[in-house]
C-alpha cells in the first residue's frame, strides 16, 4: 500500500537551491505546494515552490 502522502522537495524562488523536503496529500491537494520559508543562503524568508 503506497498511501496518500507524497514526499516533495521545496526550491527557493530567488537562489534556486533546494533547501527543504516536506510531504503533501496527493489526493486532497493536487496543485503544487508553495510556502514562505527561511533561506539560509539568502538569509531571509523567501517563497519556496515544489519541484520534482
PDB file of N, CA and C in Angstrom:
ATOM      1  N   UNK A   1       0.849  -1.180   0.000  1.00  0.00           N
ATOM      2  CA  UNK A   1       0.000   0.000   0.000  1.00  0.00           C
ATOM      3  C   UNK A   1       0.892   1.240   0.000  1.00  0.00           C
ATOM      4  N   UNK A   2       0.680   2.123  -0.943  1.00  0.00           N
ATOM      5  CA  UNK A   2       1.561   3.275  -1.087  1.00  0.00           C
ATOM      6  C   UNK A   2       1.165   4.440  -0.204  1.00  0.00           C
ATOM      7  N   UNK A   3      -0.104   4.640   0.035  1.00  0.00           N
ATOM      8  CA  UNK A   3      -0.560   5.744   0.866  1.00  0.00           C
ATOM      9  C   UNK A   3      -0.854   6.981   0.053  1.00  0.00           C
ATOM     10  N   UNK A   4      -1.426   7.973   0.715  1.00  0.00           N
ATOM     11  CA  UNK A   4      -1.835   9.193   0.028  1.00  0.00           C
ATOM     12  C   UNK A   4      -0.790  10.288   0.144  1.00  0.00           C
ATOM     13  N   UNK A   5       0.230  10.124   1.001  1.00  0.00           N
ATOM     14  CA  UNK A   5       1.222  11.174   1.199  1.00  0.00           C
ATOM     15  C   UNK A   5       2.384  10.986   0.240  1.00  0.00           C
ATOM     16  N   UNK A   6       2.910  12.110  -0.228  1.00  0.00           N
ATOM     17  CA  UNK A   6       3.976  12.113  -1.216  1.00  0.00           C
ATOM     18  C   UNK A   6       5.081  13.036  -0.725  1.00  0.00           C
ATOM     19  N   UNK A   7       6.347  12.626  -0.822  1.00  0.00           N
ATOM     20  CA  UNK A   7       7.476  13.461  -0.407  1.00  0.00           C
ATOM     21  C   UNK A   7       7.821  14.407  -1.549  1.00  0.00           C
ATOM     22  N   UNK A   8       7.900  15.709  -1.246  1.00  0.00           N
ATOM     23  CA  UNK A   8       8.225  16.716  -2.248  1.00  0.00           C
ATOM     24  C   UNK A   8       9.412  17.544  -1.758  1.00  0.00           C
ATOM     25  N   UNK A   9      10.158  18.124  -2.697  1.00  0.00           N
ATOM     26  CA  UNK A   9      11.291  18.982  -2.398  1.00  0.00           C
ATOM     27  C   UNK A   9      10.901  20.421  -2.689  1.00  0.00           C
ATOM     28  N   UNK A  10      11.294  21.337  -1.800  1.00  0.00           N
ATOM     29  CA  UNK A  10      10.981  22.754  -1.975  1.00  0.00           C
ATOM     30  C   UNK A  10      12.223  23.499  -2.441  1.00  0.00           C
ATOM     31  N   UNK A  11      12.062  24.331  -3.483  1.00  0.00           N
ATOM     32  CA  UNK A  11      13.156  25.086  -4.079  1.00  0.00           C
ATOM     33  C   UNK A  11      12.921  26.573  -3.866  1.00  0.00           C
ATOM     34  N   UNK A  12      13.965  27.286  -3.469  1.00  0.00           N
ATOM     35  CA  UNK A  12      13.878  28.727  -3.254  1.00  0.00           C
ATOM     36  C   UNK A  12      13.642  29.431  -4.583  1.00  0.00           C
ATOM     37  N   UNK A  13      12.742  30.414  -4.594  1.00  0.00           N
ATOM     38  CA  UNK A  13      12.429  31.117  -5.836  1.00  0.00           C
ATOM     39  C   UNK A  13      13.487  32.156  -6.193  1.00  0.00           C
ATOM     40  N   UNK A  14      14.333  32.542  -5.243  1.00  0.00           N
ATOM     41  CA  UNK A  14      15.356  33.550  -5.531  1.00  0.00           C
ATOM     42  C   UNK A  14      16.714  32.941  -5.870  1.00  0.00           C
ATOM     43  N   UNK A  15      17.214  32.043  -5.036  1.00  0.00           N
ATOM     44  CA  UNK A  15      18.551  31.483  -5.287  1.00  0.00           C
ATOM     45  C   UNK A  15      18.495  30.141  -6.010  1.00  0.00           C
ATOM     46  N   UNK A  16      17.310  29.558  -6.193  1.00  0.00           N
ATOM     47  CA  UNK A  16      17.082  28.304  -6.928  1.00  0.00           C
ATOM     48  C   UNK A  16      17.737  27.083  -6.284  1.00  0.00           C
ATOM     49  N   UNK A  17      18.007  27.145  -5.000  1.00  0.00           N
ATOM     50  CA  UNK A  17      18.578  25.987  -4.304  1.00  0.00           C
ATOM     51  C   UNK A  17      17.467  25.214  -3.625  1.00  0.00           C
ATOM     52  N   UNK A  18      17.648  23.921  -3.541  1.00  0.00           N
ATOM     53  CA  UNK A  18      16.656  23.048  -2.916  1.00  0.00           C
ATOM     54  C   UNK A  18      17.008  22.885  -1.446  1.00  0.00           C
ATOM     55  N   UNK A  19      16.232  23.553  -0.583  1.00  0.00           N
ATOM     56  CA  UNK A  19      16.567  23.641   0.832  1.00  0.00           C
ATOM     57  C   UNK A  19      15.767  22.703   1.724  1.00  0.00           C
ATOM     58  N   UNK A  20      14.530  22.422   1.394  1.00  0.00           N
ATOM     59  CA  UNK A  20      13.627  21.714   2.296  1.00  0.00           C
ATOM     60  C   UNK A  20      12.941  20.544   1.603  1.00  0.00           C
ATOM     61  N   UNK A  21      12.546  19.550   2.394  1.00  0.00           N
ATOM     62  CA  UNK A  21      11.666  18.488   1.933  1.00  0.00           C
ATOM     63  C   UNK A  21      10.471  18.456   2.868  1.00  0.00           C
ATOM     64  N   UNK A  22       9.327  18.103   2.326  1.00  0.00           N
ATOM     65  CA  UNK A  22       8.099  18.021   3.107  1.00  0.00           C
ATOM     66  C   UNK A  22       7.187  16.990   2.455  1.00  0.00           C
ATOM     67  N   UNK A  23       6.036  16.740   3.047  1.00  0.00           N
ATOM     68  CA  UNK A  23       5.076  15.808   2.473  1.00  0.00           C
ATOM     69  C   UNK A  23       3.790  16.550   2.163  1.00  0.00           C
ATOM     70  N   UNK A  24       3.042  16.022   1.211  1.00  0.00           N
ATOM     71  CA  UNK A  24       1.732  16.571   0.891  1.00  0.00           C
ATOM     72  C   UNK A  24       0.784  15.434   0.583  1.00  0.00           C
ATOM     73  N   UNK A  25      -0.502  15.676   0.792  1.00  0.00           N
ATOM     74  CA  UNK A  25      -1.526  14.700   0.492  1.00  0.00           C
ATOM     75  C   UNK A  25      -1.886  14.850  -0.982  1.00  0.00           C
ATOM     76  N   UNK A  26      -1.519  13.867  -1.793  1.00  0.00           N
ATOM     77  CA  UNK A  26      -1.727  13.988  -3.239  1.00  0.00           C
ATOM     78  C   UNK A  26      -3.173  13.785  -3.659  1.00  0.00           C
ATOM     79  N   UNK A  27      -4.015  13.266  -2.779  1.00  0.00           N
ATOM     80  CA  UNK A  27      -5.433  13.121  -3.117  1.00  0.00           C
ATOM     81  C   UNK A  27      -6.211  14.403  -2.845  1.00  0.00           C
ATOM     82  N   UNK A  28      -5.905  15.100  -1.747  1.00  0.00           N
ATOM     83  CA  UNK A  28      -6.641  16.305  -1.382  1.00  0.00           C
ATOM     84  C   UNK A  28      -6.078  17.552  -2.045  1.00  0.00           C
ATOM     85  N   UNK A  29      -4.749  17.630  -2.182  1.00  0.00           N
ATOM     86  CA  UNK A  29      -4.110  18.821  -2.747  1.00  0.00           C
ATOM     87  C   UNK A  29      -3.333  18.399  -3.982  1.00  0.00           C
ATOM     88  N   UNK A  30      -3.894  18.656  -5.164  1.00  0.00           N
ATOM     89  CA  UNK A  30      -3.269  18.181  -6.394  1.00  0.00           C
ATOM     90  C   UNK A  30      -2.400  19.235  -7.064  1.00  0.00           C
ATOM     91  N   UNK A  31      -2.496  20.506  -6.644  1.00  0.00           N
ATOM     92  CA  UNK A  31      -1.624  21.516  -7.223  1.00  0.00           C
ATOM     93  C   UNK A  31      -0.330  21.616  -6.413  1.00  0.00           C
ATOM     94  N   UNK A  32       0.653  22.340  -6.931  1.00  0.00           N
ATOM     95  CA  UNK A  32       1.979  22.385  -6.321  1.00  0.00           C
ATOM     96  C   UNK A  32       1.971  23.212  -5.044  1.00  0.00           C
ATOM     97  N   UNK A  33       2.833  22.808  -4.102  1.00  0.00           N
ATOM     98  CA  UNK A  33       2.922  23.445  -2.796  1.00  0.00           C
ATOM     99  C   UNK A  33       3.811  24.686  -2.900  1.00  0.00           C
ATOM    100  N   UNK A  34       3.380  25.779  -2.262  1.00  0.00           N
ATOM    101  CA  UNK A  34       4.175  26.996  -2.150  1.00  0.00           C
ATOM    102  C   UNK A  34       4.143  27.440  -0.695  1.00  0.00           C
ATOM    103  N   UNK A  35       5.329  27.675  -0.114  1.00  0.00           N
ATOM    104  CA  UNK A  35       5.429  28.100   1.281  1.00  0.00           C
ATOM    105  C   UNK A  35       6.476  29.192   1.415  1.00  0.00           C
ATOM    106  N   UNK A  36       6.279  30.088   2.373  1.00  0.00           N
ATOM    107  CA  UNK A  36       7.329  31.045   2.704  1.00  0.00           C
ATOM    108  C   UNK A  36       8.186  30.394   3.783  1.00  0.00           C
ATOM    109  N   UNK A  37       9.456  30.153   3.452  1.00  0.00           N
ATOM    110  CA  UNK A  37      10.388  29.502   4.370  1.00  0.00           C
ATOM    111  C   UNK A  37      11.659  30.333   4.455  1.00  0.00           C
ATOM    112  N   UNK A  38      12.460  30.090   5.471  1.00  0.00           N
ATOM    113  CA  UNK A  38      13.725  30.790   5.636  1.00  0.00           C
ATOM    114  C   UNK A  38      14.779  30.157   4.735  1.00  0.00           C
ATOM    115  N   UNK A  39      15.441  30.975   3.922  1.00  0.00           N
ATOM    116  CA  UNK A  39      16.523  30.503   3.066  1.00  0.00           C
ATOM    117  C   UNK A  39      17.846  30.867   3.732  1.00  0.00           C
ATOM    118  N   UNK A  40      18.647  29.893   4.153  1.00  0.00           N
ATOM    119  CA  UNK A  40      19.908  30.215   4.823  1.00  0.00           C
ATOM    120  C   UNK A  40      20.953  30.837   3.892  1.00  0.00           C
ATOM    121  N   UNK A  41      20.815  30.650   2.598  1.00  0.00           N
ATOM    122  CA  UNK A  41      21.772  31.216   1.651  1.00  0.00           C
ATOM    123  C   UNK A  41      21.480  32.699   1.383  1.00  0.00           C
ATOM    124  N   UNK A  42      20.196  33.066   1.352  1.00  0.00           N
ATOM    125  CA  UNK A  42      19.805  34.473   1.181  1.00  0.00           C
ATOM    126  C   UNK A  42      19.688  35.197   2.520  1.00  0.00           C
ATOM    127  N   UNK A  43      19.578  34.435   3.591  1.00  0.00           N
ATOM    128  CA  UNK A  43      19.421  34.946   4.955  1.00  0.00           C
ATOM    129  C   UNK A  43      18.149  35.771   5.130  1.00  0.00           C
ATOM    130  N   UNK A  44      17.060  35.289   4.511  1.00  0.00           N
ATOM    131  CA  UNK A  44      15.759  35.935   4.673  1.00  0.00           C
ATOM    132  C   UNK A  44      14.670  34.942   4.300  1.00  0.00           C
ATOM    133  N   UNK A  45      13.422  35.288   4.605  1.00  0.00           N
ATOM    134  CA  UNK A  45      12.284  34.459   4.240  1.00  0.00           C
ATOM    135  C   UNK A  45      11.931  34.698   2.783  1.00  0.00           C
ATOM    136  N   UNK A  46      11.838  33.614   2.011  1.00  0.00           N
ATOM    137  CA  UNK A  46      11.503  33.709   0.592  1.00  0.00           C
ATOM    138  C   UNK A  46      10.450  32.664   0.268  1.00  0.00           C
ATOM    139  N   UNK A  47       9.868  32.786  -0.912  1.00  0.00           N
ATOM    140  CA  UNK A  47       8.881  31.838  -1.364  1.00  0.00           C
ATOM    141  C   UNK A  47       9.594  30.587  -1.873  1.00  0.00           C
ATOM    142  N   UNK A  48       9.168  29.415  -1.381  1.00  0.00           N
ATOM    143  CA  UNK A  48       9.717  28.130  -1.820  1.00  0.00           C
ATOM    144  C   UNK A  48       8.619  27.374  -2.544  1.00  0.00           C
ATOM    145  N   UNK A  49       8.934  26.834  -3.718  1.00  0.00           N
ATOM    146  CA  UNK A  49       7.969  26.111  -4.528  1.00  0.00           C
ATOM    147  C   UNK A  49       8.367  24.653  -4.674  1.00  0.00           C
ATOM    148  N   UNK A  50       7.378  23.812  -4.883  1.00  0.00           N
ATOM    149  CA  UNK A  50       7.595  22.375  -5.038  1.00  0.00           C
ATOM    150  C   UNK A  50       8.292  22.062  -6.365  1.00  0.00           C
ATOM    151  N   UNK A  51       9.295  21.170  -6.307  1.00  0.00           N
ATOM    152  CA  UNK A  51       9.977  20.685  -7.506  1.00  0.00           C
ATOM    153  C   UNK A  51       9.965  19.169  -7.490  1.00  0.00           C
ATOM    154  N   UNK A  52      10.321  18.578  -8.590  1.00  0.00           N
ATOM    155  CA  UNK A  52      10.401  17.111  -8.668  1.00  0.00           C
ATOM    156  C   UNK A  52      11.801  16.640  -8.382  1.00  0.00           C
TER     157      UNK A  52
END
